[in-house]
Amino acid sequence: AAETVEERYLVQTDRFTHFALSAAQ
């Protein structure tokens, strides 16, 4: 997830949201 999502979002979200942020981008 760190390849596509900023650290400030990673630390406050779960894996399912990491998927969503990456897929949305």
PDB file of all heavy atoms in Angstrom:
ATOM      1  N   ALA A   1       0.817  -1.213   0.000  1.00  0.00           N
ATOM      2  CA  ALA A   1       0.000   0.000   0.000  1.00  0.00           C
ATOM      3  C   ALA A   1       0.849   1.261   0.000  1.00  0.00           C
ATOM      4  O   ALA A   1       0.441   2.302  -0.533  1.00  0.00           O
ATOM      5  CB  ALA A   1      -0.931  -0.003   1.215  1.00  0.00           C
ATOM      6  N   ALA A   2       2.036   1.184   0.589  1.00  0.00           N
ATOM      7  CA  ALA A   2       2.902   2.360   0.679  1.00  0.00           C
ATOM      8  C   ALA A   2       3.340   2.868  -0.695  1.00  0.00           C
ATOM      9  O   ALA A   2       3.776   4.015  -0.826  1.00  0.00           O
ATOM     10  CB  ALA A   2       4.132   2.041   1.527  1.00  0.00           C
ATOM     11  N   GLU A   3       3.241   2.039  -1.704  1.00  0.00           N
ATOM     12  CA  GLU A   3       3.632   2.461  -3.051  1.00  0.00           C
ATOM     13  C   GLU A   3       2.640   3.442  -3.652  1.00  0.00           C
ATOM     14  O   GLU A   3       2.976   4.204  -4.560  1.00  0.00           O
ATOM     15  CB  GLU A   3       3.772   1.244  -3.962  1.00  0.00           C
ATOM     16  CG  GLU A   3       4.931   0.326  -3.585  1.00  0.00           C
ATOM     17  CD  GLU A   3       5.033  -0.860  -4.528  1.00  0.00           C
ATOM     18  OE1 GLU A   3       4.152  -0.997  -5.401  1.00  0.00           O
ATOM     19  OE2 GLU A   3       5.989  -1.639  -4.389  1.00  0.00           O
ATOM     20  N   THR A   4       1.382   3.416  -3.170  1.00  0.00           N
ATOM     21  CA  THR A   4       0.351   4.260  -3.781  1.00  0.00           C
ATOM     22  C   THR A   4      -0.397   5.137  -2.785  1.00  0.00           C
ATOM     23  O   THR A   4      -1.133   6.027  -3.195  1.00  0.00           O
ATOM     24  CB  THR A   4      -0.681   3.393  -4.531  1.00  0.00           C
ATOM     25  OG1 THR A   4      -1.216   2.418  -3.629  1.00  0.00           O
ATOM     26  CG2 THR A   4      -0.052   2.685  -5.713  1.00  0.00           C
ATOM     27  N   VAL A   5      -0.225   4.869  -1.488  1.00  0.00           N
ATOM     28  CA  VAL A   5      -0.991   5.599  -0.474  1.00  0.00           C
ATOM     29  C   VAL A   5      -0.033   6.290   0.495  1.00  0.00           C
ATOM     30  O   VAL A   5       0.922   5.677   0.984  1.00  0.00           O
ATOM     31  CB  VAL A   5      -1.929   4.653   0.304  1.00  0.00           C
ATOM     32  CG1 VAL A   5      -2.731   5.426   1.333  1.00  0.00           C
ATOM     33  CG2 VAL A   5      -2.861   3.915  -0.655  1.00  0.00           C
ATOM     34  N   GLU A   6      -0.309   7.551   0.786  1.00  0.00           N
ATOM     35  CA  GLU A   6       0.534   8.327   1.689  1.00  0.00           C
ATOM     36  C   GLU A   6       0.490   7.763   3.105  1.00  0.00           C
ATOM     37  O   GLU A   6      -0.512   7.223   3.559  1.00  0.00           O
ATOM     38  CB  GLU A   6       0.087   9.793   1.720  1.00  0.00           C
ATOM     39  CG  GLU A   6       0.114  10.474   0.364  1.00  0.00           C
ATOM     40  CD  GLU A   6      -1.189  10.344  -0.400  1.00  0.00           C
ATOM     41  OE1 GLU A   6      -1.873   9.301  -0.233  1.00  0.00           O
ATOM     42  OE2 GLU A   6      -1.530  11.260  -1.151  1.00  0.00           O
ATOM     43  N   GLU A   7       1.590   7.949   3.839  1.00  0.00           N
ATOM     44  CA  GLU A   7       1.727   7.409   5.183  1.00  0.00           C
ATOM     45  C   GLU A   7       0.608   7.893   6.110  1.00  0.00           C
ATOM     46  O   GLU A   7       0.105   7.132   6.932  1.00  0.00           O
ATOM     47  CB  GLU A   7       3.085   7.817   5.759  1.00  0.00           C
ATOM     48  CG  GLU A   7       3.317   7.384   7.209  1.00  0.00           C
ATOM     49  CD  GLU A   7       3.407   5.873   7.381  1.00  0.00           C
ATOM     50  OE1 GLU A   7       3.637   5.169   6.367  1.00  0.00           O
ATOM     51  OE2 GLU A   7       3.261   5.414   8.525  1.00  0.00           O
ATOM     52  N   ARG A   8       0.191   9.128   5.990  1.00  0.00           N
ATOM     53  CA  ARG A   8      -0.820   9.656   6.911  1.00  0.00           C
ATOM     54  C   ARG A   8      -2.156   8.952   6.745  1.00  0.00           C
ATOM     55  O   ARG A   8      -2.949   8.910   7.685  1.00  0.00           O
ATOM     56  CB  ARG A   8      -0.983  11.168   6.723  1.00  0.00           C
ATOM     57  CG  ARG A   8      -1.533  11.620   5.381  1.00  0.00           C
ATOM     58  CD  ARG A   8      -1.386  13.134   5.252  1.00  0.00           C
ATOM     59  NE  ARG A   8      -1.853  13.650   3.984  1.00  0.00           N
ATOM     60  CZ  ARG A   8      -3.011  14.279   3.820  1.00  0.00           C
ATOM     61  NH1 ARG A   8      -3.817  14.457   4.856  1.00  0.00           N
ATOM     62  NH2 ARG A   8      -3.367  14.738   2.641  1.00  0.00           N
ATOM     63  N   TYR A   9      -2.408   8.394   5.569  1.00  0.00           N
ATOM     64  CA  TYR A   9      -3.631   7.613   5.389  1.00  0.00           C
ATOM     65  C   TYR A   9      -3.425   6.162   5.809  1.00  0.00           C
ATOM     66  O   TYR A   9      -4.342   5.514   6.330  1.00  0.00           O
ATOM     67  CB  TYR A   9      -4.089   7.673   3.936  1.00  0.00           C
ATOM     68  CG  TYR A   9      -4.550   9.050   3.518  1.00  0.00           C
ATOM     69  CD1 TYR A   9      -3.783   9.818   2.647  1.00  0.00           C
ATOM     70  CD2 TYR A   9      -5.733   9.602   4.006  1.00  0.00           C
ATOM     71  CE1 TYR A   9      -4.181  11.085   2.268  1.00  0.00           C
ATOM     72  CE2 TYR A   9      -6.146  10.875   3.636  1.00  0.00           C
ATOM     73  CZ  TYR A   9      -5.367  11.616   2.763  1.00  0.00           C
ATOM     74  OH  TYR A   9      -5.756  12.877   2.407  1.00  0.00           O
ATOM     75  N   LEU A  10      -2.229   5.652   5.595  1.00  0.00           N
ATOM     76  CA  LEU A  10      -1.961   4.257   5.938  1.00  0.00           C
ATOM     77  C   LEU A  10      -2.122   3.996   7.427  1.00  0.00           C
ATOM     78  O   LEU A  10      -2.702   2.988   7.837  1.00  0.00           O
ATOM     79  CB  LEU A  10      -0.550   3.866   5.505  1.00  0.00           C
ATOM     80  CG  LEU A  10      -0.273   3.773   4.004  1.00  0.00           C
ATOM     81  CD1 LEU A  10       1.179   3.383   3.769  1.00  0.00           C
ATOM     82  CD2 LEU A  10      -1.206   2.765   3.346  1.00  0.00           C
ATOM     83  N   VAL A  11      -1.636   4.898   8.256  1.00  0.00           N
ATOM     84  CA  VAL A  11      -1.613   4.638   9.696  1.00  0.00           C
ATOM     85  C   VAL A  11      -2.997   4.709  10.324  1.00  0.00           C
ATOM     86  O   VAL A  11      -3.201   4.204  11.432  1.00  0.00           O
ATOM     87  CB  VAL A  11      -0.670   5.615  10.418  1.00  0.00           C
ATOM     88  CG1 VAL A  11       0.743   5.446   9.906  1.00  0.00           C
ATOM     89  CG2 VAL A  11      -1.132   7.069  10.273  1.00  0.00           C
ATOM     90  N   GLN A  12      -3.950   5.317   9.641  1.00  0.00           N
ATOM     91  CA  GLN A  12      -5.268   5.465  10.240  1.00  0.00           C
ATOM     92  C   GLN A  12      -6.334   4.607   9.556  1.00  0.00           C
ATOM     93  O   GLN A  12      -7.518   4.770   9.819  1.00  0.00           O
ATOM     94  CB  GLN A  12      -5.700   6.939  10.214  1.00  0.00           C
ATOM     95  CG  GLN A  12      -5.713   7.584   8.835  1.00  0.00           C
ATOM     96  CD  GLN A  12      -6.017   9.071   8.884  1.00  0.00           C
ATOM     97  OE1 GLN A  12      -7.173   9.469   8.951  1.00  0.00           O
ATOM     98  NE2 GLN A  12      -4.976   9.888   8.889  1.00  0.00           N
ATOM     99  N   THR A  13      -5.896   3.683   8.711  1.00  0.00           N
ATOM    100  CA  THR A  13      -6.860   2.866   7.972  1.00  0.00           C
ATOM    101  C   THR A  13      -6.471   1.400   7.967  1.00  0.00           C
ATOM    102  O   THR A  13      -5.304   1.036   8.160  1.00  0.00           O
ATOM    103  CB  THR A  13      -6.981   3.361   6.511  1.00  0.00           C
ATOM    104  OG1 THR A  13      -5.670   3.417   5.921  1.00  0.00           O
ATOM    105  CG2 THR A  13      -7.611   4.729   6.444  1.00  0.00           C
ATOM    106  N   ASP A  14      -7.454   0.558   7.713  1.00  0.00           N
ATOM    107  CA  ASP A  14      -7.277  -0.886   7.644  1.00  0.00           C
ATOM    108  C   ASP A  14      -6.930  -1.312   6.215  1.00  0.00           C
ATOM    109  O   ASP A  14      -7.035  -0.531   5.262  1.00  0.00           O
ATOM    110  CB  ASP A  14      -8.575  -1.565   8.099  1.00  0.00           C
ATOM    111  CG  ASP A  14      -8.498  -3.076   8.053  1.00  0.00           C
ATOM    112  OD1 ASP A  14      -7.945  -3.667   8.996  1.00  0.00           O
ATOM    113  OD2 ASP A  14      -8.980  -3.666   7.061  1.00  0.00           O
ATOM    114  N   ARG A  15      -6.573  -2.560   6.089  1.00  0.00           N
ATOM    115  CA  ARG A  15      -6.192  -3.127   4.787  1.00  0.00           C
ATOM    116  C   ARG A  15      -7.307  -2.960   3.751  1.00  0.00           C
ATOM    117  O   ARG A  15      -7.024  -2.680   2.585  1.00  0.00           O
ATOM    118  CB  ARG A  15      -5.836  -4.606   4.965  1.00  0.00           C
ATOM    119  CG  ARG A  15      -5.304  -5.309   3.714  1.00  0.00           C
ATOM    120  CD  ARG A  15      -4.839  -6.717   4.092  1.00  0.00           C
ATOM    121  NE  ARG A  15      -4.496  -7.563   2.967  1.00  0.00           N
ATOM    122  CZ  ARG A  15      -3.286  -7.595   2.373  1.00  0.00           C
ATOM    123  NH1 ARG A  15      -2.331  -6.806   2.802  1.00  0.00           N
ATOM    124  NH2 ARG A  15      -3.044  -8.423   1.370  1.00  0.00           N
ATOM    125  N   PHE A  16      -8.574  -3.097   4.160  1.00  0.00           N
ATOM    126  CA  PHE A  16      -9.642  -2.984   3.163  1.00  0.00           C
ATOM    127  C   PHE A  16      -9.716  -1.565   2.604  1.00  0.00           C
ATOM    128  O   PHE A  16     -10.057  -1.363   1.424  1.00  0.00           O
ATOM    129  CB  PHE A  16     -10.985  -3.450   3.738  1.00  0.00           C
ATOM    130  CG  PHE A  16     -11.819  -2.403   4.424  1.00  0.00           C
ATOM    131  CD1 PHE A  16     -12.974  -1.902   3.822  1.00  0.00           C
ATOM    132  CD2 PHE A  16     -11.492  -1.948   5.691  1.00  0.00           C
ATOM    133  CE1 PHE A  16     -13.764  -0.970   4.472  1.00  0.00           C
ATOM    134  CE2 PHE A  16     -12.287  -1.031   6.352  1.00  0.00           C
ATOM    135  CZ  PHE A  16     -13.430  -0.524   5.735  1.00  0.00           C
ATOM    136  N   THR A  17      -9.365  -0.569   3.409  1.00  0.00           N
ATOM    137  CA  THR A  17      -9.331   0.804   2.914  1.00  0.00           C
ATOM    138  C   THR A  17      -8.063   1.068   2.113  1.00  0.00           C
ATOM    139  O   THR A  17      -8.075   1.859   1.161  1.00  0.00           O
ATOM    140  CB  THR A  17      -9.469   1.800   4.080  1.00  0.00           C
ATOM    141  OG1 THR A  17     -10.712   1.554   4.751  1.00  0.00           O
ATOM    142  CG2 THR A  17      -9.461   3.236   3.585  1.00  0.00           C
ATOM    143  N   HIS A  18      -6.960   0.410   2.458  1.00  0.00           N
ATOM    144  CA  HIS A  18      -5.756   0.502   1.619  1.00  0.00           C
ATOM    145  C   HIS A  18      -6.090   0.030   0.201  1.00  0.00           C
ATOM    146  O   HIS A  18      -5.684   0.661  -0.787  1.00  0.00           O
ATOM    147  CB  HIS A  18      -4.627  -0.354   2.178  1.00  0.00           C
ATOM    148  CG  HIS A  18      -4.192   0.056   3.551  1.00  0.00           C
ATOM    149  ND1 HIS A  18      -3.350  -0.730   4.329  1.00  0.00           N
ATOM    150  CD2 HIS A  18      -4.458   1.151   4.302  1.00  0.00           C
ATOM    151  CE1 HIS A  18      -3.125  -0.125   5.472  1.00  0.00           C
ATOM    152  NE2 HIS A  18      -3.790   1.011   5.497  1.00  0.00           N
ATOM    153  N   PHE A  19      -6.817  -1.083   0.117  1.00  0.00           N
ATOM    154  CA  PHE A  19      -7.238  -1.574  -1.198  1.00  0.00           C
ATOM    155  C   PHE A  19      -8.085  -0.519  -1.914  1.00  0.00           C
ATOM    156  O   PHE A  19      -7.923  -0.270  -3.113  1.00  0.00           O
ATOM    157  CB  PHE A  19      -8.072  -2.850  -1.052  1.00  0.00           C
ATOM    158  CG  PHE A  19      -7.307  -4.067  -0.621  1.00  0.00           C
ATOM    159  CD1 PHE A  19      -7.947  -5.092   0.079  1.00  0.00           C
ATOM    160  CD2 PHE A  19      -5.964  -4.236  -0.922  1.00  0.00           C
ATOM    161  CE1 PHE A  19      -7.269  -6.226   0.472  1.00  0.00           C
ATOM    162  CE2 PHE A  19      -5.267  -5.372  -0.531  1.00  0.00           C
ATOM    163  CZ  PHE A  19      -5.926  -6.373   0.170  1.00  0.00           C
ATOM    164  N   ALA A  20      -9.026   0.085  -1.180  1.00  0.00           N
ATOM    165  CA  ALA A  20      -9.939   1.055  -1.790  1.00  0.00           C
ATOM    166  C   ALA A  20      -9.199   2.291  -2.283  1.00  0.00           C
ATOM    167  O   ALA A  20      -9.467   2.792  -3.388  1.00  0.00           O
ATOM    168  CB  ALA A  20     -11.023   1.447  -0.791  1.00  0.00           C
ATOM    169  N   LEU A  21      -8.283   2.809  -1.467  1.00  0.00           N
ATOM    170  CA  LEU A  21      -7.520   3.978  -1.880  1.00  0.00           C
ATOM    171  C   LEU A  21      -6.684   3.685  -3.123  1.00  0.00           C
ATOM    172  O   LEU A  21      -6.607   4.504  -4.052  1.00  0.00           O
ATOM    173  CB  LEU A  21      -6.622   4.444  -0.731  1.00  0.00           C
ATOM    174  CG  LEU A  21      -7.342   5.074   0.469  1.00  0.00           C
ATOM    175  CD1 LEU A  21      -6.409   5.150   1.673  1.00  0.00           C
ATOM    176  CD2 LEU A  21      -7.877   6.458   0.110  1.00  0.00           C
ATOM    177  N   SER A  22      -6.065   2.516  -3.159  1.00  0.00           N
ATOM    178  CA  SER A  22      -5.248   2.142  -4.317  1.00  0.00           C
ATOM    179  C   SER A  22      -6.104   1.916  -5.551  1.00  0.00           C
ATOM    180  O   SER A  22      -5.772   2.400  -6.650  1.00  0.00           O
ATOM    181  CB  SER A  22      -4.443   0.878  -3.992  1.00  0.00           C
ATOM    182  OG  SER A  22      -3.533   1.104  -2.937  1.00  0.00           O
ATOM    183  N   ALA A  23      -7.206   1.181  -5.396  1.00  0.00           N
ATOM    184  CA  ALA A  23      -8.086   0.913  -6.544  1.00  0.00           C
ATOM    185  C   ALA A  23      -8.724   2.193  -7.064  1.00  0.00           C
ATOM    186  O   ALA A  23      -8.904   2.360  -8.279  1.00  0.00           O
ATOM    187  CB  ALA A  23      -9.156  -0.102  -6.148  1.00  0.00           C
ATOM    188  N   ALA A  24      -9.076   3.111  -6.160  1.00  0.00           N
ATOM    189  CA  ALA A  24      -9.663   4.379  -6.587  1.00  0.00           C
ATOM    190  C   ALA A  24      -8.677   5.178  -7.436  1.00  0.00           C
ATOM    191  O   ALA A  24      -9.046   5.758  -8.462  1.00  0.00           O
ATOM    192  CB  ALA A  24     -10.107   5.186  -5.374  1.00  0.00           C
ATOM    193  N   GLN A  25      -7.422   5.207  -7.006  1.00  0.00           N
ATOM    194  CA  GLN A  25      -6.425   5.943  -7.783  1.00  0.00           C
ATOM    195  C   GLN A  25      -6.198   5.279  -9.139  1.00  0.00           C
ATOM    196  O   GLN A  25      -6.057   5.971 -10.155  1.00  0.00           O
ATOM    197  CB  GLN A  25      -5.109   6.026  -7.015  1.00  0.00           C
ATOM    198  CG  GLN A  25      -4.102   6.977  -7.666  1.00  0.00           C
ATOM    199  CD  GLN A  25      -4.655   8.381  -7.804  1.00  0.00           C
ATOM    200  OE1 GLN A  25      -5.082   8.991  -6.826  1.00  0.00           O
ATOM    201  NE2 GLN A  25      -4.675   8.901  -9.033  1.00  0.00           N
TER     202      GLN A  25
END
